[in-house]
C-alpha atoms as a PDB file:
ATOM      1  CA  MET A   1      -0.113  -0.038   0.012  1.00  0.00           C
ATOM      2  CA  ALA A   2       2.808   2.273   0.736  1.00  0.00           C
ATOM      3  CA  GLY A   3       4.356   1.691  -2.596  1.00  0.00           C
ATOM      4  CA  GLN A   4       1.051   2.474  -4.363  1.00  0.00           C
ATOM      5  CA  HIS A   5       0.997   5.812  -2.383  1.00  0.00           C
ATOM      6  CA  CYS A   6       4.654   6.707  -3.251  1.00  0.00           C
ATOM      7  CA  LYS A   7       3.739   6.038  -7.160  1.00  0.00           C
ATOM      8  CA  GLU A   8       0.535   8.250  -6.836  1.00  0.00           C
ATOM      9  CA  HIS A   9       2.556  10.993  -5.110  1.00  0.00           C
ATOM     10  CA  GLN A  10       5.165  10.891  -7.980  1.00  0.00           C
ATOM     11  CA  ILE A  11       2.451  11.154 -10.641  1.00  0.00           C
ATOM     12  CA  LEU A  12       0.746  13.793  -8.995  1.00  0.00           C
ATOM     13  CA  THR A  13       4.358  15.752  -8.615  1.00  0.00           C
ATOM     14  CA  TYR A  14       5.018  15.156 -12.202  1.00  0.00           C
ATOM     15  CA  LEU A  15       1.415  16.361 -13.422  1.00  0.00           C
ATOM     16  CA  LEU A  16       1.792  19.433 -11.232  1.00  0.00           C
ATOM     17  CA  ILE A  17       5.425  20.336 -12.539  1.00  0.00           C
ATOM     18  CA  LYS A  18       4.395  19.515 -16.188  1.00  0.00           C
ATOM     19  CA  SER A  19       1.184  21.946 -15.661  1.00  0.00           C
ATOM     20  CA  LEU A  20       3.576  24.657 -14.212  1.00  0.00           C
ATOM     21  CA  HIS A  21       5.799  24.322 -17.143  1.00  0.00           C
ATOM     22  CA  MET A  22       2.923  24.510 -19.899  1.00  0.00           C
ATOM     23  CA  ILE A  23       1.327  27.489 -18.239  1.00  0.00           C
ATOM     24  CA  THR A  24       4.714  29.287 -17.781  1.00  0.00           C
ATOM     25  CA  ALA A  25       5.351  28.499 -21.494  1.00  0.00           C
ATOM     26  CA  VAL A  26       2.155  30.235 -22.406  1.00  0.00           C
ATOM     27  CA  ALA A  27       2.823  33.131 -20.133  1.00  0.00           C
ATOM     28  CA  THR A  28       6.422  33.751 -21.386  1.00  0.00           C
ATOM     29  CA  LEU A  29       5.042  33.729 -24.917  1.00  0.00           C
ATOM     30  CA  SER A  30       2.011  36.043 -24.265  1.00  0.00           C
ATOM     31  CA  GLY A  31       4.396  38.419 -22.459  1.00  0.00           C
ATOM     32  CA  PHE A  32       6.971  38.379 -25.236  1.00  0.00           C
ATOM     33  CA  VAL A  33       4.273  39.191 -27.784  1.00  0.00           C
ATOM     34  CA  LEU A  34       2.953  41.729 -25.881  1.00  0.00           C
ATOM     35  CA  ARG A  35       6.210  43.698 -25.211  1.00  0.00           C
ATOM     36  CA  GLY A  36       7.367  42.935 -28.634  1.00  0.00           C
ATOM     37  CA  TYR A  37       3.961  44.808 -29.775  1.00  0.00           C
ATOM     38  CA  TRP A  38       4.930  47.753 -27.250  1.00  0.00           C
ATOM     39  CA  MET A  39       8.290  47.895 -28.590  1.00  0.00           C
ATOM     40  CA  ILE A  40       6.939  48.319 -32.300  1.00  0.00           C
ATOM     41  CA  VAL A  41       4.452  50.950 -31.133  1.00  0.00           C
ATOM     42  CA  LYS A  42       7.095  52.631 -28.971  1.00  0.00           C
ATOM     43  CA  SER A  43       4.830  52.166 -25.997  1.00  0.00           C
ATOM     44  CA  ASP A  44       5.751  53.707 -22.542  1.00  0.00           C
ATOM     45  CA  CYS A  45       4.481  50.450 -20.997  1.00  0.00           C
ATOM     46  CA  LEU A  46       7.862  48.879 -21.644  1.00  0.00           C
ATOM     47  CA  GLN A  47       9.316  51.360 -18.950  1.00  0.00           C
ATOM     48  CA  LEU A  48       6.858  49.957 -16.121  1.00  0.00           C
ATOM     49  CA  LYS A  49       8.581  48.311 -13.191  1.00  0.00           C
ATOM     50  CA  ILE A  50       6.202  45.168 -13.560  1.00  0.00           C
ATOM     51  CA  VAL A  51       6.951  44.814 -17.309  1.00  0.00           C
ATOM     52  CA  ARG A  52      10.794  44.822 -16.583  1.00  0.00           C
ATOM     53  CA  ILE A  53      10.417  42.434 -13.642  1.00  0.00           C
ATOM     54  CA  ALA A  54       7.628  39.896 -14.445  1.00  0.00           C
ATOM     55  CA  PRO A  55       9.437  38.359 -17.464  1.00  0.00           C
ATOM     56  CA  HIS A  56      12.234  37.512 -15.317  1.00  0.00           C
ATOM     57  CA  VAL A  57       9.940  35.816 -12.760  1.00  0.00           C
ATOM     58  CA  VAL A  58       7.832  33.877 -15.486  1.00  0.00           C
ATOM     59  CA  ASP A  59      10.959  32.652 -17.280  1.00  0.00           C
ATOM     60  CA  THR A  60      12.677  31.611 -14.156  1.00  0.00           C
ATOM     61  CA  LEU A  61       9.633  29.389 -13.324  1.00  0.00           C
ATOM     62  CA  PHE A  62       9.623  28.178 -16.856  1.00  0.00           C
ATOM     63  CA  LEU A  63      13.207  27.072 -16.919  1.00  0.00           C
ATOM     64  CA  GLY A  64      13.118  25.723 -13.441  1.00  0.00           C
ATOM     65  CA  SER A  65      10.072  23.506 -14.135  1.00  0.00           C
ATOM     66  CA  GLY A  66      11.720  22.216 -17.196  1.00  0.00           C
ATOM     67  CA  ILE A  67      14.831  21.526 -15.283  1.00  0.00           C
ATOM     68  CA  ALA A  68      12.436  19.748 -12.723  1.00  0.00           C
ATOM     69  CA  LEU A  69      10.927  17.732 -15.057  1.00  0.00           C
ATOM     70  CA  VAL A  70      14.217  16.652 -16.446  1.00  0.00           C
ATOM     71  CA  ILE A  71      15.399  15.649 -13.118  1.00  0.00           C
ATOM     72  CA  LEU A  72      12.088  13.990 -11.989  1.00  0.00           C
ATOM     73  CA  LEU A  73      11.917  11.856 -14.954  1.00  0.00           C
ATOM     74  CA  GLN A  74      15.710  11.131 -14.840  1.00  0.00           C
ATOM     75  CA  LEU A  75      16.430  12.196 -18.432  1.00  0.00           C
ATOM     76  CA  ASN A  76      20.176  12.985 -20.040  1.00  0.00           C
ATOM     77  CA  ILE A  77      19.533  15.820 -22.120  1.00  0.00           C
ATOM     78  CA  PHE A  78      22.773  14.558 -24.095  1.00  0.00           C
ATOM     79  CA  SER A  79      21.150  11.190 -24.907  1.00  0.00           C
ATOM     80  CA  GLN A  80      17.917  12.459 -25.807  1.00  0.00           C
ATOM     81  CA  PRO A  81      18.009  14.472 -28.858  1.00  0.00           C
ATOM     82  CA  TRP A  82      14.841  16.232 -28.845  1.00  0.00           C
ATOM     83  CA  LEU A  83      15.795  17.642 -25.242  1.00  0.00           C
ATOM     84  CA  LEU A  84      19.189  18.785 -26.645  1.00  0.00           C
ATOM     85  CA  ALA A  85      17.229  20.408 -29.343  1.00  0.00           C
ATOM     86  CA  LYS A  86      14.750  22.202 -26.900  1.00  0.00           C
ATOM     87  CA  PHE A  87      17.617  23.252 -24.782  1.00  0.00           C
ATOM     88  CA  THR A  88      19.464  24.575 -28.009  1.00  0.00           C
ATOM     89  CA  GLY A  89      16.353  26.347 -29.248  1.00  0.00           C
ATOM     90  CA  LEU A  90      15.952  27.990 -25.796  1.00  0.00           C
ATOM     91  CA  LEU A  91      19.424  29.453 -25.952  1.00  0.00           C
ATOM     92  CA  VAL A  92      18.710  30.742 -29.333  1.00  0.00           C
ATOM     93  CA  TYR A  93      15.322  32.065 -28.359  1.00  0.00           C
ATOM     94  CA  ILE A  94      16.890  34.009 -25.405  1.00  0.00           C
ATOM     95  CA  VAL A  95      19.722  35.625 -27.673  1.00  0.00           C
ATOM     96  CA  LEU A  96      17.191  36.497 -30.474  1.00  0.00           C
ATOM     97  CA  GLY A  97      14.730  37.868 -27.777  1.00  0.00           C
ATOM     98  CA  THR A  98      17.526  40.188 -26.284  1.00  0.00           C
ATOM     99  CA  ILE A  99      18.352  41.587 -29.467  1.00  0.00           C
ATOM    100  CA  ALA A 100      14.361  42.296 -30.172  1.00  0.00           C
ATOM    101  CA  MET A 101      13.883  43.941 -26.687  1.00  0.00           C
ATOM    102  CA  LYS A 102      17.088  45.597 -25.835  1.00  0.00           C
ATOM    103  CA  ARG A 103      20.137  44.999 -28.022  1.00  0.00           C
ATOM    104  CA  GLY A 104      18.976  45.635 -31.666  1.00  0.00           C
ATOM    105  CA  PRO A 105      20.379  48.796 -32.865  1.00  0.00           C
ATOM    106  CA  THR A 106      17.424  49.723 -34.959  1.00  0.00           C
ATOM    107  CA  LEU A 107      13.785  49.026 -35.064  1.00  0.00           C
ATOM    108  CA  GLN A 108      13.887  46.932 -38.047  1.00  0.00           C
ATOM    109  CA  ILE A 109      16.486  44.602 -36.636  1.00  0.00           C
ATOM    110  CA  ARG A 110      14.417  44.477 -33.526  1.00  0.00           C
ATOM    111  CA  ILE A 111      11.220  43.406 -35.504  1.00  0.00           C
ATOM    112  CA  ILE A 112      13.152  40.722 -37.341  1.00  0.00           C
ATOM    113  CA  ALA A 113      14.750  39.450 -34.153  1.00  0.00           C
ATOM    114  CA  LEU A 114      11.236  39.392 -32.586  1.00  0.00           C
ATOM    115  CA  VAL A 115       9.787  37.297 -35.731  1.00  0.00           C
ATOM    116  CA  ALA A 116      12.978  35.026 -35.581  1.00  0.00           C
ATOM    117  CA  ALA A 117      12.261  34.404 -31.780  1.00  0.00           C
ATOM    118  CA  LEU A 118       8.748  33.665 -32.311  1.00  0.00           C
ATOM    119  CA  THR A 119       9.754  31.135 -34.893  1.00  0.00           C
ATOM    120  CA  VAL A 120      12.191  29.574 -32.721  1.00  0.00           C
ATOM    121  CA  PHE A 121       9.529  29.248 -29.940  1.00  0.00           C
ATOM    122  CA  ALA A 122       7.424  27.524 -32.390  1.00  0.00           C
ATOM    123  CA  TYR A 123       9.956  25.103 -33.216  1.00  0.00           C
ATOM    124  CA  ILE A 124      10.598  24.363 -29.460  1.00  0.00           C
ATOM    125  CA  VAL A 125       7.010  23.736 -28.901  1.00  0.00           C
ATOM    126  CA  GLY A 126       6.922  21.381 -31.924  1.00  0.00           C
ATOM    127  CA  VAL A 127      10.186  19.643 -30.358  1.00  0.00           C
ATOM    128  CA  ALA A 128       8.148  19.184 -27.129  1.00  0.00           C
ATOM    129  CA  VAL A 129       4.971  17.654 -28.886  1.00  0.00           C
ATOM    130  CA  ALA A 130       6.710  15.476 -31.353  1.00  0.00           C
ATOM    131  CA  ARG A 131       9.686  14.488 -29.004  1.00  0.00           C
ATOM    132  CA  SER A 132      11.919  14.808 -32.123  1.00  0.00           C
ATOM    133  CA  PRO A 133      14.417  17.414 -33.310  1.00  0.00           C
ATOM    134  CA  ALA A 134      12.334  17.446 -36.324  1.00  0.00           C
ATOM    135  CA  SER A 135       9.730  19.385 -34.597  1.00  0.00           C
ATOM    136  CA  TRP A 136       6.549  20.140 -36.428  1.00  0.00           C
ATOM    137  CA  LEU A 137       7.785  18.183 -39.524  1.00  0.00           C
ATOM    138  CA  ASN A 138       7.451  14.984 -37.341  1.00  0.00           C
ATOM    139  CA  VAL A 139       4.054  15.758 -36.297  1.00  0.00           C
ATOM    140  CA  LEU A 140       2.864  16.615 -39.892  1.00  0.00           C
ATOM    141  CA  ALA A 141       4.507  13.443 -41.338  1.00  0.00           C
ATOM    142  CA  ALA A 142       2.624  11.003 -38.729  1.00  0.00           C
END
């Protein structure tokens, strides 16, 4: 009976962490799109303290929940090509997002970086759904 309780606890923990990861994925994407729109229209909203702080909190929860899932499931990202693709995609997304929101010298470069970052985010979601580096191509072929 104790073994069954422990297994139920593990399943519940997994479902809670996975839900947190998926919710924060939606939140980080939504916030990025909104900030990207504000960047394009040159809104003063980008200067609000909450707008400058919230993305870091959400992104930390997003990354932390992803790491927690990897640990909980005892996965090795180097032996799981789809996980390595997600991690690599995340790094590219972060770099492009930084260019889009802060480092791009012109509005045109920032918009290009924004679109590229959103494309990479879509790729990452496809990798997660397909559990394949082929991303959405793998889903469409099925």
